[in-house]
Amino acid sequence: MAMNPTLSAIQNVIKKNMAVYLPDVSPESLEDGGKIFYMNGKDGTEFDWFVNGRLCPFMVFYGDEDNLGAVKALVAKDGEITLCFYGDSGKKMVKELTASLDVTEEDLLKLAANLRLNADEKGRWDASSDAIELDDDVSPQTVDDFLSDGQELDPTAVRKEVLGKFAFVSKKITQEGWKVGYMVRDDPEEDDDSGWQFFAGDEDDDYSDDPDNVEMIPVAAVVELDPVVMNYLGSPVGASFVRVSSDEFEEDDGQDPLVEKR
């Protein structure tokens, strides 16, 4: 069976660098003689592509009882590949490097659609990549279907991006133990600013305008304090919400928020 050329390029980079960074590891010590596995079993190709911006991980495993990874490869949409090599039967990181694949972004998109169709949809989970029977060239319709289905994941991708940015948060939330009662998203002032502001809901203007009463913390830290806000983080600039129950917010139309302790 002929190997898909884009997948072949990925495998060649992995094997070439294995020879450099794991020269003493023989094929006999690896699972299935060192075959490369496509690890789509956790989230699937579609999720990783649209949310994480890459294909699912490619792995080579040691063939002993622990079955730890010898190589992990992450292939991004733009063709960058990150490779991690592990010695001592997978217990010790030896090398991490990035390289560029000699393929186009269109090639990788087609491979993603191909893997979703012929691995995920056929129940081929965490299989050896050379055992996945990929189409020689996926049709434009297959790619369009993949892109269309991925649009449903866009809010998830937005929320994930926001989690890495910062928000202004009332110290009633961070220091006094109150839940978020009111949240509003303004235009961000810096690249790492999400635009979100979080309040307990009963602060007056004097309190909120005093810089000593607010602090800037990662949005992810707010979610740790009050996980319900996660559901609303993908909302656009201008959105505002008030808490109406322990596990729900509604768009702000002037009603008083529910103010309660965590």
C-alpha atoms as a PDB file:
ATOM      1  CA  MET A   1       0.000   0.000   0.000  1.00  0.00           C
ATOM      2  CA  ALA A   2       1.473   3.354  -1.040  1.00  0.00           C
ATOM      3  CA  MET A   3       2.004   5.840   1.772  1.00  0.00           C
ATOM      4  CA  ASN A   4       0.211   9.177   1.645  1.00  0.00           C
ATOM      5  CA  PRO A   5       2.988  11.655   0.679  1.00  0.00           C
ATOM      6  CA  THR A   6       2.249  14.134   3.468  1.00  0.00           C
ATOM      7  CA  LEU A   7       2.111  11.407   6.088  1.00  0.00           C
ATOM      8  CA  SER A   8       5.282   9.955   4.594  1.00  0.00           C
ATOM      9  CA  ALA A   9       7.040  13.312   5.038  1.00  0.00           C
ATOM     10  CA  ILE A  10       6.060  13.345   8.714  1.00  0.00           C
ATOM     11  CA  GLN A  11       7.296   9.792   9.244  1.00  0.00           C
ATOM     12  CA  ASN A  12      10.582  10.504   7.482  1.00  0.00           C
ATOM     13  CA  VAL A  13      11.333  13.474   9.769  1.00  0.00           C
ATOM     14  CA  ILE A  14      10.560  11.384  12.850  1.00  0.00           C
ATOM     15  CA  LYS A  15      12.740   8.460  11.767  1.00  0.00           C
ATOM     16  CA  LYS A  16      15.601  10.673  10.584  1.00  0.00           C
ATOM     17  CA  ASN A  17      15.810  12.433  13.933  1.00  0.00           C
ATOM     18  CA  MET A  18      15.386   9.202  15.902  1.00  0.00           C
ATOM     19  CA  ALA A  19      18.614   7.995  14.350  1.00  0.00           C
ATOM     20  CA  VAL A  20      20.347  11.142  15.655  1.00  0.00           C
ATOM     21  CA  TYR A  21      18.893  11.493  19.141  1.00  0.00           C
ATOM     22  CA  LEU A  22      18.137   7.856  20.026  1.00  0.00           C
ATOM     23  CA  PRO A  23      20.988   6.105  18.191  1.00  0.00           C
ATOM     24  CA  ASP A  24      21.270   3.271  20.714  1.00  0.00           C
ATOM     25  CA  VAL A  25      17.568   2.372  20.615  1.00  0.00           C
ATOM     26  CA  SER A  26      17.058  -0.620  18.320  1.00  0.00           C
ATOM     27  CA  PRO A  27      13.837  -1.391  16.460  1.00  0.00           C
ATOM     28  CA  GLU A  28      13.622  -4.624  18.445  1.00  0.00           C
ATOM     29  CA  SER A  29      13.222  -2.631  21.673  1.00  0.00           C
ATOM     30  CA  LEU A  30      10.287  -0.654  20.291  1.00  0.00           C
ATOM     31  CA  GLU A  31       6.615  -1.562  19.920  1.00  0.00           C
ATOM     32  CA  ASP A  32       5.955  -3.224  16.542  1.00  0.00           C
ATOM     33  CA  GLY A  33       9.535  -2.635  15.530  1.00  0.00           C
ATOM     34  CA  GLY A  34       9.306   1.137  15.840  1.00  0.00           C
ATOM     35  CA  LYS A  35       6.090   1.816  13.967  1.00  0.00           C
ATOM     36  CA  ILE A  36       4.629   5.298  14.294  1.00  0.00           C
ATOM     37  CA  PHE A  37       1.173   5.496  15.878  1.00  0.00           C
ATOM     38  CA  TYR A  38      -1.420   8.194  15.239  1.00  0.00           C
ATOM     39  CA  MET A  39      -2.895   9.000  18.675  1.00  0.00           C
ATOM     40  CA  ASN A  40      -6.399  10.166  17.799  1.00  0.00           C
ATOM     41  CA  GLY A  41      -8.145   8.233  20.558  1.00  0.00           C
ATOM     42  CA  LYS A  42      -8.370  11.047  23.116  1.00  0.00           C
ATOM     43  CA  ASP A  43     -10.098  13.864  21.214  1.00  0.00           C
ATOM     44  CA  GLY A  44     -10.027  12.937  17.515  1.00  0.00           C
ATOM     45  CA  THR A  45      -8.515  14.726  14.553  1.00  0.00           C
ATOM     46  CA  GLU A  46     -11.233  17.349  14.272  1.00  0.00           C
ATOM     47  CA  PHE A  47     -10.846  18.604  17.853  1.00  0.00           C
ATOM     48  CA  ASP A  48      -7.057  18.831  17.749  1.00  0.00           C
ATOM     49  CA  TRP A  49      -7.094  20.552  14.357  1.00  0.00           C
ATOM     50  CA  PHE A  50      -9.613  23.261  15.160  1.00  0.00           C
ATOM     51  CA  VAL A  51      -8.949  23.749  18.873  1.00  0.00           C
ATOM     52  CA  ASN A  52      -5.237  22.981  19.270  1.00  0.00           C
ATOM     53  CA  GLY A  53      -4.155  24.009  15.776  1.00  0.00           C
ATOM     54  CA  ARG A  54      -2.499  20.718  14.926  1.00  0.00           C
ATOM     55  CA  LEU A  55      -2.947  17.056  14.104  1.00  0.00           C
ATOM     56  CA  CYS A  56      -3.254  14.523  16.899  1.00  0.00           C
ATOM     57  CA  PRO A  57       0.145  13.429  18.262  1.00  0.00           C
ATOM     58  CA  PHE A  58       2.294  10.879  16.485  1.00  0.00           C
ATOM     59  CA  MET A  59       4.087   8.490  18.841  1.00  0.00           C
ATOM     60  CA  VAL A  60       6.708   5.763  18.852  1.00  0.00           C
ATOM     61  CA  PHE A  61       6.581   3.518  21.930  1.00  0.00           C
ATOM     62  CA  TYR A  62       9.016   1.319  23.775  1.00  0.00           C
ATOM     63  CA  GLY A  63       8.043  -2.329  23.598  1.00  0.00           C
ATOM     64  CA  ASP A  64       8.572  -3.239  27.245  1.00  0.00           C
ATOM     65  CA  GLU A  65       5.996  -3.689  30.001  1.00  0.00           C
ATOM     66  CA  ASP A  66       5.740   0.052  30.790  1.00  0.00           C
ATOM     67  CA  ASN A  67       5.164   0.880  27.098  1.00  0.00           C
ATOM     68  CA  LEU A  68       6.267   4.516  27.503  1.00  0.00           C
ATOM     69  CA  GLY A  69       6.883   6.861  24.612  1.00  0.00           C
ATOM     70  CA  ALA A  70      10.202   7.012  22.809  1.00  0.00           C
ATOM     71  CA  VAL A  71       9.159   9.827  20.451  1.00  0.00           C
ATOM     72  CA  LYS A  72       6.285  12.298  20.443  1.00  0.00           C
ATOM     73  CA  ALA A  73       5.667  14.492  17.389  1.00  0.00           C
ATOM     74  CA  LEU A  74       3.210  17.374  17.155  1.00  0.00           C
ATOM     75  CA  VAL A  75       2.474  18.669  13.653  1.00  0.00           C
ATOM     76  CA  ALA A  76       0.982  22.171  13.496  1.00  0.00           C
ATOM     77  CA  LYS A  77      -1.276  23.537  10.760  1.00  0.00           C
ATOM     78  CA  ASP A  78       1.547  25.710   9.422  1.00  0.00           C
ATOM     79  CA  GLY A  79       3.912  22.773   8.907  1.00  0.00           C
ATOM     80  CA  GLU A  80       6.011  23.183  12.043  1.00  0.00           C
ATOM     81  CA  ILE A  81       6.764  19.885  13.740  1.00  0.00           C
ATOM     82  CA  THR A  82       7.817  19.642  17.390  1.00  0.00           C
ATOM     83  CA  LEU A  83       9.694  16.470  18.292  1.00  0.00           C
ATOM     84  CA  CYS A  84      10.384  15.120  21.795  1.00  0.00           C
ATOM     85  CA  PHE A  85      12.773  12.199  22.317  1.00  0.00           C
ATOM     86  CA  TYR A  86      12.883  10.075  25.464  1.00  0.00           C
ATOM     87  CA  GLY A  87      15.674   7.755  26.566  1.00  0.00           C
ATOM     88  CA  ASP A  88      15.935   5.293  29.457  1.00  0.00           C
ATOM     89  CA  SER A  89      12.880   3.401  28.182  1.00  0.00           C
ATOM     90  CA  GLY A  90      10.828   6.605  28.108  1.00  0.00           C
ATOM     91  CA  LYS A  91      11.738   7.853  31.578  1.00  0.00           C
ATOM     92  CA  LYS A  92      14.120  10.667  30.574  1.00  0.00           C
ATOM     93  CA  MET A  93      13.745  13.530  28.097  1.00  0.00           C
ATOM     94  CA  VAL A  94      16.723  13.522  25.747  1.00  0.00           C
ATOM     95  CA  LYS A  95      15.898  16.260  23.246  1.00  0.00           C
ATOM     96  CA  GLU A  96      13.136  18.610  22.127  1.00  0.00           C
ATOM     97  CA  LEU A  97      13.362  20.369  18.798  1.00  0.00           C
ATOM     98  CA  THR A  98      11.244  22.049  16.159  1.00  0.00           C
ATOM     99  CA  ALA A  99      11.576  21.759  12.408  1.00  0.00           C
ATOM    100  CA  SER A 100       9.618  22.664   9.290  1.00  0.00           C
ATOM    101  CA  LEU A 101       8.051  20.006   7.108  1.00  0.00           C
ATOM    102  CA  ASP A 102       8.457  20.291   3.339  1.00  0.00           C
ATOM    103  CA  VAL A 103       4.688  20.319   2.805  1.00  0.00           C
ATOM    104  CA  THR A 104       2.118  23.042   2.285  1.00  0.00           C
ATOM    105  CA  GLU A 105      -0.654  24.105   4.662  1.00  0.00           C
ATOM    106  CA  GLU A 106      -3.121  22.806   2.058  1.00  0.00           C
ATOM    107  CA  ASP A 107      -1.377  19.423   2.130  1.00  0.00           C
ATOM    108  CA  LEU A 108      -1.802  19.276   5.916  1.00  0.00           C
ATOM    109  CA  LEU A 109      -5.446  20.320   5.756  1.00  0.00           C
ATOM    110  CA  LYS A 110      -6.109  17.524   3.261  1.00  0.00           C
ATOM    111  CA  LEU A 111      -4.285  15.062   5.522  1.00  0.00           C
ATOM    112  CA  ALA A 112      -6.398  16.161   8.499  1.00  0.00           C
ATOM    113  CA  ALA A 113      -9.613  15.638   6.514  1.00  0.00           C
ATOM    114  CA  ASN A 114      -8.255  12.312   5.266  1.00  0.00           C
ATOM    115  CA  LEU A 115      -7.426  11.114   8.784  1.00  0.00           C
ATOM    116  CA  ARG A 116     -10.808  12.162  10.115  1.00  0.00           C
ATOM    117  CA  LEU A 117     -12.537  10.246   7.300  1.00  0.00           C
ATOM    118  CA  ASN A 118     -10.405   7.103   7.232  1.00  0.00           C
ATOM    119  CA  ALA A 119      -9.198   6.821  10.823  1.00  0.00           C
ATOM    120  CA  ASP A 120     -11.691   8.522  13.161  1.00  0.00           C
ATOM    121  CA  GLU A 121     -14.895   7.701  11.282  1.00  0.00           C
ATOM    122  CA  LYS A 122     -13.808   4.095  10.740  1.00  0.00           C
ATOM    123  CA  GLY A 123     -12.945   3.586  14.403  1.00  0.00           C
ATOM    124  CA  ARG A 124      -9.203   3.332  13.822  1.00  0.00           C
ATOM    125  CA  TRP A 125      -8.062   4.743  17.147  1.00  0.00           C
ATOM    126  CA  ASP A 126      -4.387   5.025  18.138  1.00  0.00           C
ATOM    127  CA  ALA A 127      -3.411   2.750  15.275  1.00  0.00           C
ATOM    128  CA  SER A 128      -0.121   2.380  13.494  1.00  0.00           C
ATOM    129  CA  SER A 129      -0.167   5.160  10.920  1.00  0.00           C
ATOM    130  CA  ASP A 130       0.943   2.900   8.084  1.00  0.00           C
ATOM    131  CA  ALA A 131      -2.058   0.662   8.789  1.00  0.00           C
ATOM    132  CA  ILE A 132      -4.540   3.503   8.194  1.00  0.00           C
ATOM    133  CA  GLU A 133      -5.705   3.239   4.599  1.00  0.00           C
ATOM    134  CA  LEU A 134      -5.799   6.869   3.490  1.00  0.00           C
ATOM    135  CA  ASP A 135      -7.194   8.076   0.177  1.00  0.00           C
ATOM    136  CA  ASP A 136      -4.577   9.045  -2.385  1.00  0.00           C
ATOM    137  CA  ASP A 137      -6.133  12.508  -2.670  1.00  0.00           C
ATOM    138  CA  VAL A 138      -9.222  13.551  -0.741  1.00  0.00           C
ATOM    139  CA  SER A 139     -12.002  15.258  -2.646  1.00  0.00           C
ATOM    140  CA  PRO A 140     -12.804  18.966  -2.236  1.00  0.00           C
ATOM    141  CA  GLN A 141     -16.130  17.892  -0.729  1.00  0.00           C
ATOM    142  CA  THR A 142     -14.352  15.906   1.992  1.00  0.00           C
ATOM    143  CA  VAL A 143     -12.275  18.960   2.884  1.00  0.00           C
ATOM    144  CA  ASP A 144     -15.345  21.223   2.812  1.00  0.00           C
ATOM    145  CA  ASP A 145     -17.223  18.834   5.120  1.00  0.00           C
ATOM    146  CA  PHE A 146     -14.274  18.797   7.504  1.00  0.00           C
ATOM    147  CA  LEU A 147     -14.104  22.602   7.596  1.00  0.00           C
ATOM    148  CA  SER A 148     -17.865  22.916   7.985  1.00  0.00           C
ATOM    149  CA  ASP A 149     -18.001  20.473  10.887  1.00  0.00           C
ATOM    150  CA  GLY A 150     -15.068  22.227  12.530  1.00  0.00           C
ATOM    151  CA  GLN A 151     -16.956  25.506  12.723  1.00  0.00           C
ATOM    152  CA  GLU A 152     -18.931  24.040  15.613  1.00  0.00           C
ATOM    153  CA  LEU A 153     -15.690  23.935  17.604  1.00  0.00           C
ATOM    154  CA  ASP A 154     -14.867  27.613  17.088  1.00  0.00           C
ATOM    155  CA  PRO A 155     -16.337  28.720  20.447  1.00  0.00           C
ATOM    156  CA  THR A 156     -14.155  26.125  22.162  1.00  0.00           C
ATOM    157  CA  ALA A 157     -11.100  27.476  20.378  1.00  0.00           C
ATOM    158  CA  VAL A 158     -11.970  31.039  21.371  1.00  0.00           C
ATOM    159  CA  ARG A 159     -12.448  30.070  25.003  1.00  0.00           C
ATOM    160  CA  LYS A 160      -9.099  28.302  25.029  1.00  0.00           C
ATOM    161  CA  GLU A 161      -7.357  31.396  23.638  1.00  0.00           C
ATOM    162  CA  VAL A 162      -9.023  33.633  26.221  1.00  0.00           C
ATOM    163  CA  LEU A 163      -7.916  31.379  29.091  1.00  0.00           C
ATOM    164  CA  GLY A 164      -4.298  32.325  28.442  1.00  0.00           C
ATOM    165  CA  LYS A 165      -4.979  36.052  28.725  1.00  0.00           C
ATOM    166  CA  PHE A 166      -5.654  38.378  31.657  1.00  0.00           C
ATOM    167  CA  ALA A 167      -8.747  39.985  33.159  1.00  0.00           C
ATOM    168  CA  PHE A 168      -9.552  42.719  35.705  1.00  0.00           C
ATOM    169  CA  VAL A 169     -11.101  41.064  38.743  1.00  0.00           C
ATOM    170  CA  SER A 170     -12.665  42.494  41.872  1.00  0.00           C
ATOM    171  CA  LYS A 171     -10.868  41.588  45.087  1.00  0.00           C
ATOM    172  CA  LYS A 172     -14.258  40.591  46.445  1.00  0.00           C
ATOM    173  CA  ILE A 173     -13.822  37.563  44.185  1.00  0.00           C
ATOM    174  CA  THR A 174     -10.116  36.898  44.634  1.00  0.00           C
ATOM    175  CA  GLN A 175      -9.758  37.719  48.324  1.00  0.00           C
ATOM    176  CA  GLU A 176     -13.195  37.675  49.973  1.00  0.00           C
ATOM    177  CA  GLY A 177     -14.566  34.476  48.450  1.00  0.00           C
ATOM    178  CA  TRP A 178     -17.513  35.760  46.426  1.00  0.00           C
ATOM    179  CA  LYS A 179     -18.575  34.186  43.122  1.00  0.00           C
ATOM    180  CA  VAL A 180     -18.681  36.182  39.892  1.00  0.00           C
ATOM    181  CA  GLY A 181     -22.006  38.021  39.786  1.00  0.00           C
ATOM    182  CA  TYR A 182     -21.376  40.336  36.854  1.00  0.00           C
ATOM    183  CA  MET A 183     -19.010  40.017  33.897  1.00  0.00           C
ATOM    184  CA  VAL A 184     -18.429  42.335  30.953  1.00  0.00           C
ATOM    185  CA  ARG A 185     -16.052  42.235  27.993  1.00  0.00           C
ATOM    186  CA  ASP A 186     -14.520  45.518  26.855  1.00  0.00           C
ATOM    187  CA  ASP A 187     -11.992  46.244  24.129  1.00  0.00           C
ATOM    188  CA  PRO A 188      -8.637  44.800  25.244  1.00  0.00           C
ATOM    189  CA  GLU A 189      -5.898  47.319  25.963  1.00  0.00           C
ATOM    190  CA  GLU A 190      -2.921  44.995  25.417  1.00  0.00           C
ATOM    191  CA  ASP A 191      -2.209  41.819  23.442  1.00  0.00           C
ATOM    192  CA  ASP A 192      -2.440  39.714  26.590  1.00  0.00           C
ATOM    193  CA  ASP A 193      -5.609  41.439  27.809  1.00  0.00           C
ATOM    194  CA  SER A 194      -8.806  39.429  27.262  1.00  0.00           C
ATOM    195  CA  GLY A 195     -11.018  42.483  27.782  1.00  0.00           C
ATOM    196  CA  TRP A 196     -12.983  40.633  30.464  1.00  0.00           C
ATOM    197  CA  GLN A 197     -13.833  42.242  33.803  1.00  0.00           C
ATOM    198  CA  PHE A 198     -15.327  40.216  36.648  1.00  0.00           C
ATOM    199  CA  PHE A 199     -17.188  41.553  39.690  1.00  0.00           C
ATOM    200  CA  ALA A 200     -19.092  40.049  42.596  1.00  0.00           C
ATOM    201  CA  GLY A 201     -22.066  42.138  41.517  1.00  0.00           C
ATOM    202  CA  ASP A 202     -22.659  44.493  44.432  1.00  0.00           C
ATOM    203  CA  GLU A 203     -19.638  46.787  44.044  1.00  0.00           C
ATOM    204  CA  ASP A 204     -20.499  50.475  43.707  1.00  0.00           C
ATOM    205  CA  ASP A 205     -18.671  52.860  41.371  1.00  0.00           C
ATOM    206  CA  ASP A 206     -16.372  54.146  44.110  1.00  0.00           C
ATOM    207  CA  TYR A 207     -15.245  50.624  44.892  1.00  0.00           C
ATOM    208  CA  SER A 208     -14.759  49.595  41.256  1.00  0.00           C
ATOM    209  CA  ASP A 209     -12.912  52.783  40.288  1.00  0.00           C
ATOM    210  CA  ASP A 210     -10.346  52.340  43.063  1.00  0.00           C
ATOM    211  CA  PRO A 211      -7.352  50.449  41.573  1.00  0.00           C
ATOM    212  CA  ASP A 212      -6.603  49.002  45.006  1.00  0.00           C
ATOM    213  CA  ASN A 213      -9.855  47.025  44.814  1.00  0.00           C
ATOM    214  CA  VAL A 214      -9.159  45.198  41.559  1.00  0.00           C
ATOM    215  CA  GLU A 215      -6.327  43.092  40.262  1.00  0.00           C
ATOM    216  CA  MET A 216      -5.294  41.674  36.913  1.00  0.00           C
ATOM    217  CA  ILE A 217      -5.046  37.888  36.903  1.00  0.00           C
ATOM    218  CA  PRO A 218      -5.191  35.159  34.238  1.00  0.00           C
ATOM    219  CA  VAL A 219      -8.681  34.280  33.052  1.00  0.00           C
ATOM    220  CA  ALA A 220      -7.806  30.653  33.793  1.00  0.00           C
ATOM    221  CA  ALA A 221      -7.442  31.603  37.472  1.00  0.00           C
ATOM    222  CA  VAL A 222     -10.951  33.092  37.445  1.00  0.00           C
ATOM    223  CA  VAL A 223     -12.298  29.840  36.000  1.00  0.00           C
ATOM    224  CA  GLU A 224     -10.612  27.915  38.798  1.00  0.00           C
ATOM    225  CA  LEU A 225     -12.458  30.095  41.313  1.00  0.00           C
ATOM    226  CA  ASP A 226     -15.791  30.007  39.461  1.00  0.00           C
ATOM    227  CA  PRO A 227     -15.948  27.335  36.712  1.00  0.00           C
ATOM    228  CA  VAL A 228     -19.377  28.452  35.423  1.00  0.00           C
ATOM    229  CA  VAL A 229     -17.871  31.523  33.705  1.00  0.00           C
ATOM    230  CA  MET A 230     -16.077  29.193  31.282  1.00  0.00           C
ATOM    231  CA  ASN A 231     -19.282  28.799  29.278  1.00  0.00           C
ATOM    232  CA  TYR A 232     -19.370  32.514  28.399  1.00  0.00           C
ATOM    233  CA  LEU A 233     -15.726  33.324  27.640  1.00  0.00           C
ATOM    234  CA  GLY A 234     -16.153  33.061  23.855  1.00  0.00           C
ATOM    235  CA  SER A 235     -18.604  35.981  23.835  1.00  0.00           C
ATOM    236  CA  PRO A 236     -17.584  39.039  21.777  1.00  0.00           C
ATOM    237  CA  VAL A 237     -16.495  42.472  22.953  1.00  0.00           C
ATOM    238  CA  GLY A 238     -19.521  44.318  24.319  1.00  0.00           C
ATOM    239  CA  ALA A 239     -21.101  41.263  25.916  1.00  0.00           C
ATOM    240  CA  SER A 240     -22.181  41.465  29.562  1.00  0.00           C
ATOM    241  CA  PHE A 241     -23.811  38.899  31.811  1.00  0.00           C
ATOM    242  CA  VAL A 242     -25.359  38.719  35.274  1.00  0.00           C
ATOM    243  CA  ARG A 243     -25.592  35.652  37.428  1.00  0.00           C
ATOM    244  CA  VAL A 244     -29.144  34.367  37.846  1.00  0.00           C
ATOM    245  CA  SER A 245     -28.438  31.066  39.623  1.00  0.00           C
ATOM    246  CA  SER A 246     -25.540  29.076  41.012  1.00  0.00           C
ATOM    247  CA  ASP A 247     -24.805  27.602  37.595  1.00  0.00           C
ATOM    248  CA  GLU A 248     -26.175  30.092  35.065  1.00  0.00           C
ATOM    249  CA  PHE A 249     -25.715  33.628  33.734  1.00  0.00           C
ATOM    250  CA  GLU A 250     -28.016  35.617  31.466  1.00  0.00           C
ATOM    251  CA  GLU A 251     -27.378  38.618  29.246  1.00  0.00           C
ATOM    252  CA  ASP A 252     -27.496  41.799  31.291  1.00  0.00           C
ATOM    253  CA  ASP A 253     -30.755  43.687  30.796  1.00  0.00           C
ATOM    254  CA  GLY A 254     -30.567  45.720  33.974  1.00  0.00           C
ATOM    255  CA  GLN A 255     -31.630  43.086  36.482  1.00  0.00           C
ATOM    256  CA  ASP A 256     -29.791  42.693  39.774  1.00  0.00           C
ATOM    257  CA  PRO A 257     -27.287  39.828  39.775  1.00  0.00           C
ATOM    258  CA  LEU A 258     -27.319  36.967  42.219  1.00  0.00           C
ATOM    259  CA  VAL A 259     -24.551  37.705  44.738  1.00  0.00           C
ATOM    260  CA  GLU A 260     -23.365  34.657  46.607  1.00  0.00           C
ATOM    261  CA  LYS A 261     -20.338  33.161  48.303  1.00  0.00           C
ATOM    262  CA  ARG A 262     -18.326  30.308  46.810  1.00  0.00           C
END
